[in-house]
PDB file of N, CA and C in Angstrom:
ATOM      1  N   MET A   1       0.833  -1.175   0.000  1.00  0.00           N
ATOM      2  CA  MET A   1       0.000   0.000   0.000  1.00  0.00           C
ATOM      3  C   MET A   1       0.883   1.245   0.000  1.00  0.00           C
ATOM      4  N   GLY A   2       0.514   2.226  -0.837  1.00  0.00           N
ATOM      5  CA  GLY A   2       1.325   3.432  -0.959  1.00  0.00           C
ATOM      6  C   GLY A   2       1.005   4.441   0.120  1.00  0.00           C
ATOM      7  N   SER A   3       1.917   5.338   0.324  1.00  0.00           N
ATOM      8  CA  SER A   3       1.741   6.398   1.308  1.00  0.00           C
ATOM      9  C   SER A   3       0.716   7.409   0.801  1.00  0.00           C
ATOM     10  N   LYS A   4      -0.113   7.880   1.702  1.00  0.00           N
ATOM     11  CA  LYS A   4      -1.141   8.859   1.314  1.00  0.00           C
ATOM     12  C   LYS A   4      -0.541  10.210   0.966  1.00  0.00           C
ATOM     13  N   GLY A   5       0.645  10.490   1.440  1.00  0.00           N
ATOM     14  CA  GLY A   5       1.269  11.782   1.207  1.00  0.00           C
ATOM     15  C   GLY A   5       1.974  11.888  -0.122  1.00  0.00           C
ATOM     16  N   LYS A   6       2.156  10.784  -0.831  1.00  0.00           N
ATOM     17  CA  LYS A   6       2.871  10.809  -2.103  1.00  0.00           C
ATOM     18  C   LYS A   6       1.897  10.968  -3.261  1.00  0.00           C
ATOM     19  N   ARG A   7       2.350  11.677  -4.251  1.00  0.00           N
ATOM     20  CA  ARG A   7       1.566  11.816  -5.478  1.00  0.00           C
ATOM     21  C   ARG A   7       1.912  10.666  -6.405  1.00  0.00           C
ATOM     22  N   ARG A   8       0.895  10.061  -6.957  1.00  0.00           N
ATOM     23  CA  ARG A   8       1.128   8.968  -7.893  1.00  0.00           C
ATOM     24  C   ARG A   8       1.399   9.490  -9.292  1.00  0.00           C
ATOM     25  N   PHE A   9       0.800  10.607  -9.622  1.00  0.00           N
ATOM     26  CA  PHE A   9       0.954  11.166 -10.957  1.00  0.00           C
ATOM     27  C   PHE A   9       1.491  12.578 -10.843  1.00  0.00           C
ATOM     28  N   LYS A  10       2.377  12.894 -11.751  1.00  0.00           N
ATOM     29  CA  LYS A  10       2.900  14.257 -11.783  1.00  0.00           C
ATOM     30  C   LYS A  10       2.101  15.064 -12.788  1.00  0.00           C
ATOM     31  N   MET A  11       1.721  16.251 -12.390  1.00  0.00           N
ATOM     32  CA  MET A  11       1.023  17.169 -13.288  1.00  0.00           C
ATOM     33  C   MET A  11       2.064  17.855 -14.164  1.00  0.00           C
ATOM     34  N   PRO A  12       1.746  18.049 -15.427  1.00  0.00           N
ATOM     35  CA  PRO A  12       2.695  18.768 -16.281  1.00  0.00           C
ATOM     36  C   PRO A  12       2.944  20.173 -15.730  1.00  0.00           C
ATOM     37  N   SER A  13       4.175  20.631 -15.881  1.00  0.00           N
ATOM     38  CA  SER A  13       4.535  21.931 -15.327  1.00  0.00           C
ATOM     39  C   SER A  13       4.045  23.095 -16.178  1.00  0.00           C
ATOM     40  N   GLY A  14       3.722  22.864 -17.420  1.00  0.00           N
ATOM     41  CA  GLY A  14       3.260  23.940 -18.293  1.00  0.00           C
ATOM     42  C   GLY A  14       2.608  23.363 -19.519  1.00  0.00           C
ATOM     43  N   PRO A  15       2.067  24.206 -20.382  1.00  0.00           N
ATOM     44  CA  PRO A  15       1.438  23.724 -21.603  1.00  0.00           C
ATOM     45  C   PRO A  15       2.441  22.967 -22.465  1.00  0.00           C
ATOM     46  N   THR A  16       2.024  21.850 -22.963  1.00  0.00           N
ATOM     47  CA  THR A  16       2.895  21.010 -23.771  1.00  0.00           C
ATOM     48  C   THR A  16       3.277  21.726 -25.058  1.00  0.00           C
ATOM     49  N   GLY A  17       4.555  21.721 -25.365  1.00  0.00           N
ATOM     50  CA  GLY A  17       5.032  22.291 -26.608  1.00  0.00           C
ATOM     51  C   GLY A  17       5.244  23.797 -26.589  1.00  0.00           C
ATOM     52  N   HIS A  18       4.979  24.446 -25.488  1.00  0.00           N
ATOM     53  CA  HIS A  18       5.169  25.903 -25.416  1.00  0.00           C
ATOM     54  C   HIS A  18       6.119  26.221 -24.267  1.00  0.00           C
ATOM     55  N   SER A  19       7.057  27.094 -24.550  1.00  0.00           N
ATOM     56  CA  SER A  19       7.935  27.551 -23.489  1.00  0.00           C
ATOM     57  C   SER A  19       7.261  28.701 -22.754  1.00  0.00           C
ATOM     58  N   GLN A  20       7.736  29.006 -21.573  1.00  0.00           N
ATOM     59  CA  GLN A  20       7.144  30.073 -20.765  1.00  0.00           C
ATOM     60  C   GLN A  20       7.123  31.414 -21.503  1.00  0.00           C
ATOM     61  N   PRO A  21       8.202  31.825 -22.183  1.00  0.00           N
ATOM     62  CA  PRO A  21       8.138  33.114 -22.903  1.00  0.00           C
ATOM     63  C   PRO A  21       7.065  33.127 -23.997  1.00  0.00           C
ATOM     64  N   GLN A  22       6.856  31.990 -24.668  1.00  0.00           N
ATOM     65  CA  GLN A  22       5.818  31.929 -25.698  1.00  0.00           C
ATOM     66  C   GLN A  22       4.432  32.095 -25.090  1.00  0.00           C
ATOM     67  N   VAL A  23       4.219  31.457 -23.951  1.00  0.00           N
ATOM     68  CA  VAL A  23       2.928  31.561 -23.269  1.00  0.00           C
ATOM     69  C   VAL A  23       2.697  32.997 -22.818  1.00  0.00           C
ATOM     70  N   GLU A  24       3.713  33.624 -22.257  1.00  0.00           N
ATOM     71  CA  GLU A  24       3.590  35.013 -21.816  1.00  0.00           C
ATOM     72  C   GLU A  24       3.322  35.938 -22.992  1.00  0.00           C
ATOM     73  N   GLN A  25       3.964  35.667 -24.122  1.00  0.00           N
ATOM     74  CA  GLN A  25       3.738  36.484 -25.311  1.00  0.00           C
ATOM     75  C   GLN A  25       2.298  36.324 -25.800  1.00  0.00           C
ATOM     76  N   MET A  26       1.787  35.098 -25.799  1.00  0.00           N
ATOM     77  CA  MET A  26       0.410  34.859 -26.216  1.00  0.00           C
ATOM     78  C   MET A  26      -0.573  35.552 -25.272  1.00  0.00           C
ATOM     79  N   GLN A  27      -0.299  35.507 -23.972  1.00  0.00           N
ATOM     80  CA  GLN A  27      -1.151  36.180 -22.998  1.00  0.00           C
ATOM     81  C   GLN A  27      -1.159  37.687 -23.230  1.00  0.00           C
ATOM     82  N   SER A  28       0.015  38.232 -23.501  1.00  0.00           N
ATOM     83  CA  SER A  28       0.129  39.664 -23.759  1.00  0.00           C
ATOM     84  C   SER A  28      -0.650  40.053 -25.015  1.00  0.00           C
ATOM     85  N   GLN A  29      -0.521  39.254 -26.062  1.00  0.00           N
ATOM     86  CA  GLN A  29      -1.254  39.523 -27.300  1.00  0.00           C
ATOM     87  C   GLN A  29      -2.762  39.445 -27.060  1.00  0.00           C
ATOM     88  N   MET A  30      -3.189  38.467 -26.273  1.00  0.00           N
ATOM     89  CA  MET A  30      -4.610  38.310 -25.979  1.00  0.00           C
ATOM     90  C   MET A  30      -5.137  39.525 -25.209  1.00  0.00           C
ATOM     91  N   GLU A  31      -4.367  40.001 -24.244  1.00  0.00           N
ATOM     92  CA  GLU A  31      -4.768  41.184 -23.481  1.00  0.00           C
ATOM     93  C   GLU A  31      -4.869  42.405 -24.379  1.00  0.00           C
ATOM     94  N   GLN A  32      -3.924  42.553 -25.317  1.00  0.00           N
ATOM     95  CA  GLN A  32      -3.958  43.672 -26.255  1.00  0.00           C
ATOM     96  C   GLN A  32      -5.186  43.589 -27.151  1.00  0.00           C
ATOM     97  N   MET A  33      -5.499  42.384 -27.613  1.00  0.00           N
ATOM     98  CA  MET A  33      -6.672  42.199 -28.470  1.00  0.00           C
ATOM     99  C   MET A  33      -7.962  42.485 -27.703  1.00  0.00           C
ATOM    100  N   GLN A  34      -8.025  42.063 -26.451  1.00  0.00           N
ATOM    101  CA  GLN A  34      -9.207  42.322 -25.645  1.00  0.00           C
ATOM    102  C   GLN A  34      -9.400  43.824 -25.429  1.00  0.00           C
ATOM    103  N   ALA A  35      -8.308  44.533 -25.208  1.00  0.00           N
ATOM    104  CA  ALA A  35      -8.391  45.990 -25.053  1.00  0.00           C
ATOM    105  C   ALA A  35      -8.836  46.642 -26.359  1.00  0.00           C
ATOM    106  N   ALA A  36      -8.319  46.139 -27.475  1.00  0.00           N
ATOM    107  CA  ALA A  36      -8.728  46.673 -28.777  1.00  0.00           C
ATOM    108  C   ALA A  36     -10.204  46.400 -29.037  1.00  0.00           C
ATOM    109  N   LEU A  37     -10.676  45.220 -28.652  1.00  0.00           N
ATOM    110  CA  LEU A  37     -12.098  44.901 -28.803  1.00  0.00           C
ATOM    111  C   LEU A  37     -12.956  45.845 -27.975  1.00  0.00           C
ATOM    112  N   ALA A  38     -12.552  46.091 -26.750  1.00  0.00           N
ATOM    113  CA  ALA A  38     -13.315  46.963 -25.857  1.00  0.00           C
ATOM    114  C   ALA A  38     -13.420  48.377 -26.424  1.00  0.00           C
ATOM    115  N   ALA A  39     -12.443  48.787 -27.212  1.00  0.00           N
ATOM    116  CA  ALA A  39     -12.439  50.134 -27.787  1.00  0.00           C
ATOM    117  C   ALA A  39     -13.316  50.241 -29.038  1.00  0.00           C
ATOM    118  N   GLN A  40     -13.651  49.101 -29.647  1.00  0.00           N
ATOM    119  CA  GLN A  40     -14.483  49.093 -30.847  1.00  0.00           C
ATOM    120  C   GLN A  40     -15.958  49.255 -30.468  1.00  0.00           C
ATOM    121  N   VAL A  41     -16.716  49.915 -31.325  1.00  0.00           N
ATOM    122  CA  VAL A  41     -18.154  50.069 -31.113  1.00  0.00           C
ATOM    123  C   VAL A  41     -18.870  49.629 -32.385  1.00  0.00           C
ATOM    124  N   VAL A  42     -19.860  48.761 -32.212  1.00  0.00           N
ATOM    125  CA  VAL A  42     -20.680  48.333 -33.343  1.00  0.00           C
ATOM    126  C   VAL A  42     -22.094  48.867 -33.139  1.00  0.00           C
ATOM    127  N   THR A  43     -22.826  48.959 -34.239  1.00  0.00           N
ATOM    128  CA  THR A  43     -24.192  49.469 -34.192  1.00  0.00           C
ATOM    129  C   THR A  43     -25.138  48.439 -34.793  1.00  0.00           C
ATOM    130  N   GLY A  44     -26.228  48.196 -34.088  1.00  0.00           N
ATOM    131  CA  GLY A  44     -27.290  47.346 -34.603  1.00  0.00           C
ATOM    132  C   GLY A  44     -28.536  48.193 -34.752  1.00  0.00           C
ATOM    133  N   THR A  45     -29.234  48.023 -35.882  1.00  0.00           N
ATOM    134  CA  THR A  45     -30.451  48.809 -36.106  1.00  0.00           C
ATOM    135  C   THR A  45     -31.606  47.890 -36.484  1.00  0.00           C
ATOM    136  N   ALA A  46     -32.802  48.397 -36.306  1.00  0.00           N
ATOM    137  CA  ALA A  46     -34.004  47.680 -36.720  1.00  0.00           C
ATOM    138  C   ALA A  46     -35.070  48.698 -37.102  1.00  0.00           C
ATOM    139  N   GLY A  47     -35.996  48.243 -37.917  1.00  0.00           N
ATOM    140  CA  GLY A  47     -37.092  49.126 -38.317  1.00  0.00           C
ATOM    141  C   GLY A  47     -36.625  50.306 -39.141  1.00  0.00           C
ATOM    142  N   GLY A  48     -35.631  50.083 -40.006  1.00  0.00           N
ATOM    143  CA  GLY A  48     -35.130  51.172 -40.837  1.00  0.00           C
ATOM    144  C   GLY A  48     -34.487  52.284 -40.040  1.00  0.00           C
ATOM    145  N   GLY A  49     -33.887  51.944 -38.916  1.00  0.00           N
ATOM    146  CA  GLY A  49     -33.231  52.941 -38.077  1.00  0.00           C
ATOM    147  C   GLY A  49     -34.115  53.470 -36.966  1.00  0.00           C
ATOM    148  N   ALA A  50     -35.299  52.888 -36.818  1.00  0.00           N
ATOM    149  CA  ALA A  50     -36.204  53.327 -35.758  1.00  0.00           C
ATOM    150  C   ALA A  50     -35.616  53.045 -34.378  1.00  0.00           C
ATOM    151  N   VAL A  51     -34.871  51.933 -34.285  1.00  0.00           N
ATOM    152  CA  VAL A  51     -34.186  51.581 -33.045  1.00  0.00           C
ATOM    153  C   VAL A  51     -32.721  51.346 -33.386  1.00  0.00           C
ATOM    154  N   THR A  52     -31.832  51.964 -32.638  1.00  0.00           N
ATOM    155  CA  THR A  52     -30.390  51.826 -32.837  1.00  0.00           C
ATOM    156  C   THR A  52     -29.750  51.469 -31.501  1.00  0.00           C
ATOM    157  N   ILE A  53     -28.904  50.440 -31.548  1.00  0.00           N
ATOM    158  CA  ILE A  53     -28.186  50.009 -30.348  1.00  0.00           C
ATOM    159  C   ILE A  53     -26.698  50.069 -30.637  1.00  0.00           C
ATOM    160  N   GLU A  54     -25.943  50.649 -29.714  1.00  0.00           N
ATOM    161  CA  GLU A  54     -24.484  50.658 -29.799  1.00  0.00           C
ATOM    162  C   GLU A  54     -23.941  49.730 -28.720  1.00  0.00           C
ATOM    163  N   MET A  55     -22.976  48.901 -29.127  1.00  0.00           N
ATOM    164  CA  MET A  55     -22.380  47.932 -28.218  1.00  0.00           C
ATOM    165  C   MET A  55     -20.872  47.905 -28.453  1.00  0.00           C
ATOM    166  N   THR A  56     -20.114  47.790 -27.373  1.00  0.00           N
ATOM    167  CA  THR A  56     -18.667  47.700 -27.515  1.00  0.00           C
ATOM    168  C   THR A  56     -18.285  46.284 -27.937  1.00  0.00           C
ATOM    169  N   GLY A  57     -17.070  46.154 -28.412  1.00  0.00           N
ATOM    170  CA  GLY A  57     -16.573  44.857 -28.859  1.00  0.00           C
ATOM    171  C   GLY A  57     -16.454  43.832 -27.756  1.00  0.00           C
ATOM    172  N   ASP A  58     -16.480  44.281 -26.505  1.00  0.00           N
ATOM    173  CA  ASP A  58     -16.465  43.326 -25.391  1.00  0.00           C
ATOM    174  C   ASP A  58     -17.872  43.143 -24.816  1.00  0.00           C
ATOM    175  N   GLN A  59     -18.865  43.430 -25.646  1.00  0.00           N
ATOM    176  CA  GLN A  59     -20.278  43.165 -25.398  1.00  0.00           C
ATOM    177  C   GLN A  59     -20.913  43.977 -24.272  1.00  0.00           C
ATOM    178  N   HIS A  60     -20.478  45.207 -24.128  1.00  0.00           N
ATOM    179  CA  HIS A  60     -21.125  46.108 -23.175  1.00  0.00           C
ATOM    180  C   HIS A  60     -22.040  47.048 -23.953  1.00  0.00           C
ATOM    181  N   LEU A  61     -23.280  47.145 -23.506  1.00  0.00           N
ATOM    182  CA  LEU A  61     -24.256  48.011 -24.142  1.00  0.00           C
ATOM    183  C   LEU A  61     -23.908  49.467 -23.844  1.00  0.00           C
ATOM    184  N   LYS A  62     -23.735  50.252 -24.912  1.00  0.00           N
ATOM    185  CA  LYS A  62     -23.395  51.666 -24.739  1.00  0.00           C
ATOM    186  C   LYS A  62     -24.626  52.550 -24.775  1.00  0.00           C
ATOM    187  N   SER A  63     -25.507  52.297 -25.752  1.00  0.00           N
ATOM    188  CA  SER A  63     -26.685  53.154 -25.857  1.00  0.00           C
ATOM    189  C   SER A  63     -27.797  52.478 -26.644  1.00  0.00           C
ATOM    190  N   ILE A  64     -28.998  52.957 -26.381  1.00  0.00           N
ATOM    191  CA  ILE A  64     -30.187  52.578 -27.153  1.00  0.00           C
ATOM    192  C   ILE A  64     -30.866  53.881 -27.543  1.00  0.00           C
ATOM    193  N   LYS A  65     -31.119  54.029 -28.832  1.00  0.00           N
ATOM    194  CA  LYS A  65     -31.824  55.212 -29.324  1.00  0.00           C
ATOM    195  C   LYS A  65     -33.105  54.738 -30.003  1.00  0.00           C
ATOM    196  N   ILE A  66     -34.217  55.369 -29.635  1.00  0.00           N
ATOM    197  CA  ILE A  66     -35.523  55.012 -30.179  1.00  0.00           C
ATOM    198  C   ILE A  66     -36.160  56.276 -30.739  1.00  0.00           C
ATOM    199  N   LYS A  67     -36.536  56.214 -32.006  1.00  0.00           N
ATOM    200  CA  LYS A  67     -37.212  57.369 -32.612  1.00  0.00           C
ATOM    201  C   LYS A  67     -38.610  57.486 -32.013  1.00  0.00           C
ATOM    202  N   PRO A  68     -39.022  58.700 -31.683  1.00  0.00           N
ATOM    203  CA  PRO A  68     -40.319  58.912 -31.022  1.00  0.00           C
ATOM    204  C   PRO A  68     -41.510  58.339 -31.784  1.00  0.00           C
ATOM    205  N   GLU A  69     -41.432  58.338 -33.109  1.00  0.00           N
ATOM    206  CA  GLU A  69     -42.579  57.874 -33.888  1.00  0.00           C
ATOM    207  C   GLU A  69     -42.865  56.375 -33.750  1.00  0.00           C
ATOM    208  N   VAL A  70     -41.917  55.605 -33.209  1.00  0.00           N
ATOM    209  CA  VAL A  70     -42.178  54.169 -33.028  1.00  0.00           C
ATOM    210  C   VAL A  70     -42.688  53.847 -31.626  1.00  0.00           C
ATOM    211  N   VAL A  71     -42.781  54.845 -30.792  1.00  0.00           N
ATOM    212  CA  VAL A  71     -43.299  54.635 -29.437  1.00  0.00           C
ATOM    213  C   VAL A  71     -44.814  54.781 -29.489  1.00  0.00           C
ATOM    214  N   ASP A  72     -45.476  53.625 -29.550  1.00  0.00           N
ATOM    215  CA  ASP A  72     -46.935  53.585 -29.619  1.00  0.00           C
ATOM    216  C   ASP A  72     -47.450  52.809 -28.410  1.00  0.00           C
ATOM    217  N   PRO A  73     -48.094  53.479 -27.476  1.00  0.00           N
ATOM    218  CA  PRO A  73     -48.591  52.782 -26.281  1.00  0.00           C
ATOM    219  C   PRO A  73     -49.544  51.639 -26.604  1.00  0.00           C
ATOM    220  N   GLU A  74     -50.142  51.678 -27.780  1.00  0.00           N
ATOM    221  CA  GLU A  74     -51.067  50.616 -28.186  1.00  0.00           C
ATOM    222  C   GLU A  74     -50.342  49.411 -28.778  1.00  0.00           C
ATOM    223  N   ASP A  75     -49.046  49.566 -29.096  1.00  0.00           N
ATOM    224  CA  ASP A  75     -48.293  48.474 -29.726  1.00  0.00           C
ATOM    225  C   ASP A  75     -46.895  48.365 -29.132  1.00  0.00           C
ATOM    226  N   VAL A  76     -46.832  48.086 -27.853  1.00  0.00           N
ATOM    227  CA  VAL A  76     -45.558  47.949 -27.142  1.00  0.00           C
ATOM    228  C   VAL A  76     -44.771  46.758 -27.673  1.00  0.00           C
ATOM    229  N   GLU A  77     -45.464  45.710 -28.077  1.00  0.00           N
ATOM    230  CA  GLU A  77     -44.790  44.503 -28.576  1.00  0.00           C
ATOM    231  C   GLU A  77     -43.926  44.792 -29.799  1.00  0.00           C
ATOM    232  N   MET A  78     -44.387  45.671 -30.673  1.00  0.00           N
ATOM    233  CA  MET A  78     -43.595  46.019 -31.849  1.00  0.00           C
ATOM    234  C   MET A  78     -42.283  46.672 -31.426  1.00  0.00           C
ATOM    235  N   LEU A  79     -42.349  47.582 -30.477  1.00  0.00           N
ATOM    236  CA  LEU A  79     -41.143  48.246 -29.993  1.00  0.00           C
ATOM    237  C   LEU A  79     -40.202  47.240 -29.346  1.00  0.00           C
ATOM    238  N   GLU A  80     -40.746  46.325 -28.568  1.00  0.00           N
ATOM    239  CA  GLU A  80     -39.929  45.276 -27.952  1.00  0.00           C
ATOM    240  C   GLU A  80     -39.230  44.437 -29.019  1.00  0.00           C
ATOM    241  N   ASP A  81     -39.964  44.079 -30.079  1.00  0.00           N
ATOM    242  CA  ASP A  81     -39.382  43.288 -31.166  1.00  0.00           C
ATOM    243  C   ASP A  81     -38.265  44.053 -31.872  1.00  0.00           C
ATOM    244  N   LEU A  82     -38.474  45.352 -32.086  1.00  0.00           N
ATOM    245  CA  LEU A  82     -37.443  46.172 -32.730  1.00  0.00           C
ATOM    246  C   LEU A  82     -36.183  46.243 -31.873  1.00  0.00           C
ATOM    247  N   ILE A  83     -36.349  46.399 -30.575  1.00  0.00           N
ATOM    248  CA  ILE A  83     -35.198  46.459 -29.670  1.00  0.00           C
ATOM    249  C   ILE A  83     -34.442  45.130 -29.696  1.00  0.00           C
ATOM    250  N   MET A  84     -35.169  44.036 -29.641  1.00  0.00           N
ATOM    251  CA  MET A  84     -34.523  42.720 -29.675  1.00  0.00           C
ATOM    252  C   MET A  84     -33.787  42.495 -30.991  1.00  0.00           C
ATOM    253  N   ALA A  85     -34.396  42.904 -32.105  1.00  0.00           N
ATOM    254  CA  ALA A  85     -33.755  42.731 -33.408  1.00  0.00           C
ATOM    255  C   ALA A  85     -32.478  43.560 -33.509  1.00  0.00           C
ATOM    256  N   ALA A  86     -32.518  44.792 -33.035  1.00  0.00           N
ATOM    257  CA  ALA A  86     -31.332  45.655 -33.071  1.00  0.00           C
ATOM    258  C   ALA A  86     -30.239  45.105 -32.166  1.00  0.00           C
ATOM    259  N   PHE A  87     -30.634  44.606 -31.006  1.00  0.00           N
ATOM    260  CA  PHE A  87     -29.663  44.026 -30.074  1.00  0.00           C
ATOM    261  C   PHE A  87     -29.017  42.789 -30.684  1.00  0.00           C
ATOM    262  N   GLN A  88     -29.810  41.955 -31.336  1.00  0.00           N
ATOM    263  CA  GLN A  88     -29.266  40.749 -31.965  1.00  0.00           C
ATOM    264  C   GLN A  88     -28.293  41.107 -33.081  1.00  0.00           C
ATOM    265  N   GLU A  89     -28.630  42.118 -33.870  1.00  0.00           N
ATOM    266  CA  GLU A  89     -27.733  42.538 -34.940  1.00  0.00           C
ATOM    267  C   GLU A  89     -26.407  43.038 -34.362  1.00  0.00           C
ATOM    268  N   ALA A  90     -26.464  43.823 -33.304  1.00  0.00           N
ATOM    269  CA  ALA A  90     -25.241  44.315 -32.668  1.00  0.00           C
ATOM    270  C   ALA A  90     -24.422  43.150 -32.110  1.00  0.00           C
ATOM    271  N   THR A  91     -25.091  42.194 -31.485  1.00  0.00           N
ATOM    272  CA  THR A  91     -24.396  41.023 -30.934  1.00  0.00           C
ATOM    273  C   THR A  91     -23.730  40.208 -32.039  1.00  0.00           C
ATOM    274  N   ASP A  92     -24.414  40.031 -33.154  1.00  0.00           N
ATOM    275  CA  ASP A  92     -23.839  39.303 -34.287  1.00  0.00           C
ATOM    276  C   ASP A  92     -22.596  40.019 -34.829  1.00  0.00           C
ATOM    277  N   LYS A  93     -22.662  41.345 -34.875  1.00  0.00           N
ATOM    278  CA  LYS A  93     -21.506  42.113 -35.344  1.00  0.00           C
ATOM    279  C   LYS A  93     -20.323  41.992 -34.382  1.00  0.00           C
ATOM    280  N   VAL A  94     -20.599  41.972 -33.083  1.00  0.00           N
ATOM    281  CA  VAL A  94     -19.532  41.805 -32.090  1.00  0.00           C
ATOM    282  C   VAL A  94     -18.895  40.420 -32.243  1.00  0.00           C
ATOM    283  N   THR A  95     -19.709  39.393 -32.442  1.00  0.00           N
ATOM    284  CA  THR A  95     -19.186  38.036 -32.618  1.00  0.00           C
ATOM    285  C   THR A  95     -18.279  37.965 -33.846  1.00  0.00           C
ATOM    286  N   ALA A  96     -18.701  38.588 -34.939  1.00  0.00           N
ATOM    287  CA  ALA A  96     -17.879  38.622 -36.152  1.00  0.00           C
ATOM    288  C   ALA A  96     -16.579  39.382 -35.912  1.00  0.00           C
ATOM    289  N   LEU A  97     -16.667  40.490 -35.194  1.00  0.00           N
ATOM    290  CA  LEU A  97     -15.483  41.283 -34.874  1.00  0.00           C
ATOM    291  C   LEU A  97     -14.510  40.483 -34.019  1.00  0.00           C
ATOM    292  N   MET A  98     -15.035  39.767 -33.032  1.00  0.00           N
ATOM    293  CA  MET A  98     -14.184  38.932 -32.173  1.00  0.00           C
ATOM    294  C   MET A  98     -13.483  37.858 -32.998  1.00  0.00           C
ATOM    295  N   SER A  99     -14.208  37.210 -33.871  1.00  0.00           N
ATOM    296  CA  SER A  99     -13.620  36.167 -34.704  1.00  0.00           C
ATOM    297  C   SER A  99     -12.516  36.736 -35.585  1.00  0.00           C
ATOM    298  N   GLU A 100     -12.781  37.909 -36.134  1.00  0.00           N
ATOM    299  CA  GLU A 100     -11.805  38.560 -37.007  1.00  0.00           C
ATOM    300  C   GLU A 100     -10.537  38.935 -36.241  1.00  0.00           C
ATOM    301  N   MET A 101     -10.710  39.516 -35.051  1.00  0.00           N
ATOM    302  CA  MET A 101      -9.555  40.013 -34.303  1.00  0.00           C
ATOM    303  C   MET A 101      -8.824  38.916 -33.534  1.00  0.00           C
ATOM    304  N   LEU A 102      -9.553  37.979 -32.974  1.00  0.00           N
ATOM    305  CA  LEU A 102      -8.930  36.957 -32.139  1.00  0.00           C
ATOM    306  C   LEU A 102      -8.597  35.690 -32.912  1.00  0.00           C
ATOM    307  N   GLY A 103      -9.139  35.555 -34.100  1.00  0.00           N
ATOM    308  CA  GLY A 103      -8.907  34.361 -34.902  1.00  0.00           C
ATOM    309  C   GLY A 103      -7.439  34.014 -35.095  1.00  0.00           C
ATOM    310  N   PRO A 104      -6.607  34.972 -35.479  1.00  0.00           N
ATOM    311  CA  PRO A 104      -5.184  34.647 -35.669  1.00  0.00           C
ATOM    312  C   PRO A 104      -4.504  34.132 -34.394  1.00  0.00           C
ATOM    313  N   LEU A 105      -4.933  34.608 -33.238  1.00  0.00           N
ATOM    314  CA  LEU A 105      -4.342  34.130 -31.984  1.00  0.00           C
ATOM    315  C   LEU A 105      -4.781  32.715 -31.656  1.00  0.00           C
ATOM    316  N   ALA A 106      -5.972  32.352 -32.127  1.00  0.00           N
ATOM    317  CA  ALA A 106      -6.502  31.018 -31.828  1.00  0.00           C
ATOM    318  C   ALA A 106      -5.888  29.951 -32.725  1.00  0.00           C
ATOM    319  N   GLY A 107      -5.175  30.371 -33.752  1.00  0.00           N
ATOM    320  CA  GLY A 107      -4.535  29.421 -34.617  1.00  0.00           C
ATOM    321  C   GLY A 107      -5.516  28.522 -35.334  1.00  0.00           C
ATOM    322  N   GLY A 108      -6.666  29.063 -35.721  1.00  0.00           N
ATOM    323  CA  GLY A 108      -7.653  28.293 -36.460  1.00  0.00           C
ATOM    324  C   GLY A 108      -8.616  27.502 -35.613  1.00  0.00           C
ATOM    325  N   LEU A 109      -8.512  27.605 -34.297  1.00  0.00           N
ATOM    326  CA  LEU A 109      -9.437  26.886 -33.419  1.00  0.00           C
ATOM    327  C   LEU A 109     -10.808  27.528 -33.476  1.00  0.00           C
ATOM    328  N   ASP A 110     -11.845  26.706 -33.327  1.00  0.00           N
ATOM    329  CA  ASP A 110     -13.210  27.224 -33.271  1.00  0.00           C
ATOM    330  C   ASP A 110     -13.472  27.736 -31.859  1.00  0.00           C
ATOM    331  N   LEU A 111     -13.601  29.048 -31.714  1.00  0.00           N
ATOM    332  CA  LEU A 111     -13.828  29.653 -30.399  1.00  0.00           C
ATOM    333  C   LEU A 111     -15.284  30.065 -30.218  1.00  0.00           C
ATOM    334  N   GLY A 112     -16.170  29.493 -31.019  1.00  0.00           N
ATOM    335  CA  GLY A 112     -17.576  29.889 -30.980  1.00  0.00           C
ATOM    336  C   GLY A 112     -18.175  29.861 -29.580  1.00  0.00           C
ATOM    337  N   GLY A 113     -17.862  28.847 -28.793  1.00  0.00           N
ATOM    338  CA  GLY A 113     -18.416  28.739 -27.460  1.00  0.00           C
ATOM    339  C   GLY A 113     -17.803  29.707 -26.473  1.00  0.00           C
ATOM    340  N   LEU A 114     -16.658  30.235 -26.780  1.00  0.00           N
ATOM    341  CA  LEU A 114     -15.974  31.159 -25.868  1.00  0.00           C
ATOM    342  C   LEU A 114     -16.355  32.590 -26.102  1.00  0.00           C
ATOM    343  N   MET A 115     -16.924  32.890 -27.259  1.00  0.00           N
ATOM    344  CA  MET A 115     -17.235  34.273 -27.596  1.00  0.00           C
ATOM    345  C   MET A 115     -18.685  34.558 -27.438  1.00  0.00           C
TER     346      MET A 115
END
């Protein structure tokens, strides 16, 4: 019987195939890309510009603009649909921007679930 204090398996000390300076360089590049994404602003619109949403590249909502003529107390659902459509368009643009900017760092990996 083995001692409880001993490790049977050794954990790798670092990512396989990468030296510490390479990992640090990749981390630095990733941080720079994330900062660049945060500085980007995309716009999503719906209803021919009746609703406009601005979102940063790191998915923070900056603003929502609604033209007064689409505010109808009798048809709130239409306004809700326009807001959702504009938000979805902005989100899709952010996802495309992330893929474009971070893709080279991923080395061709599918990062769909991470973005």
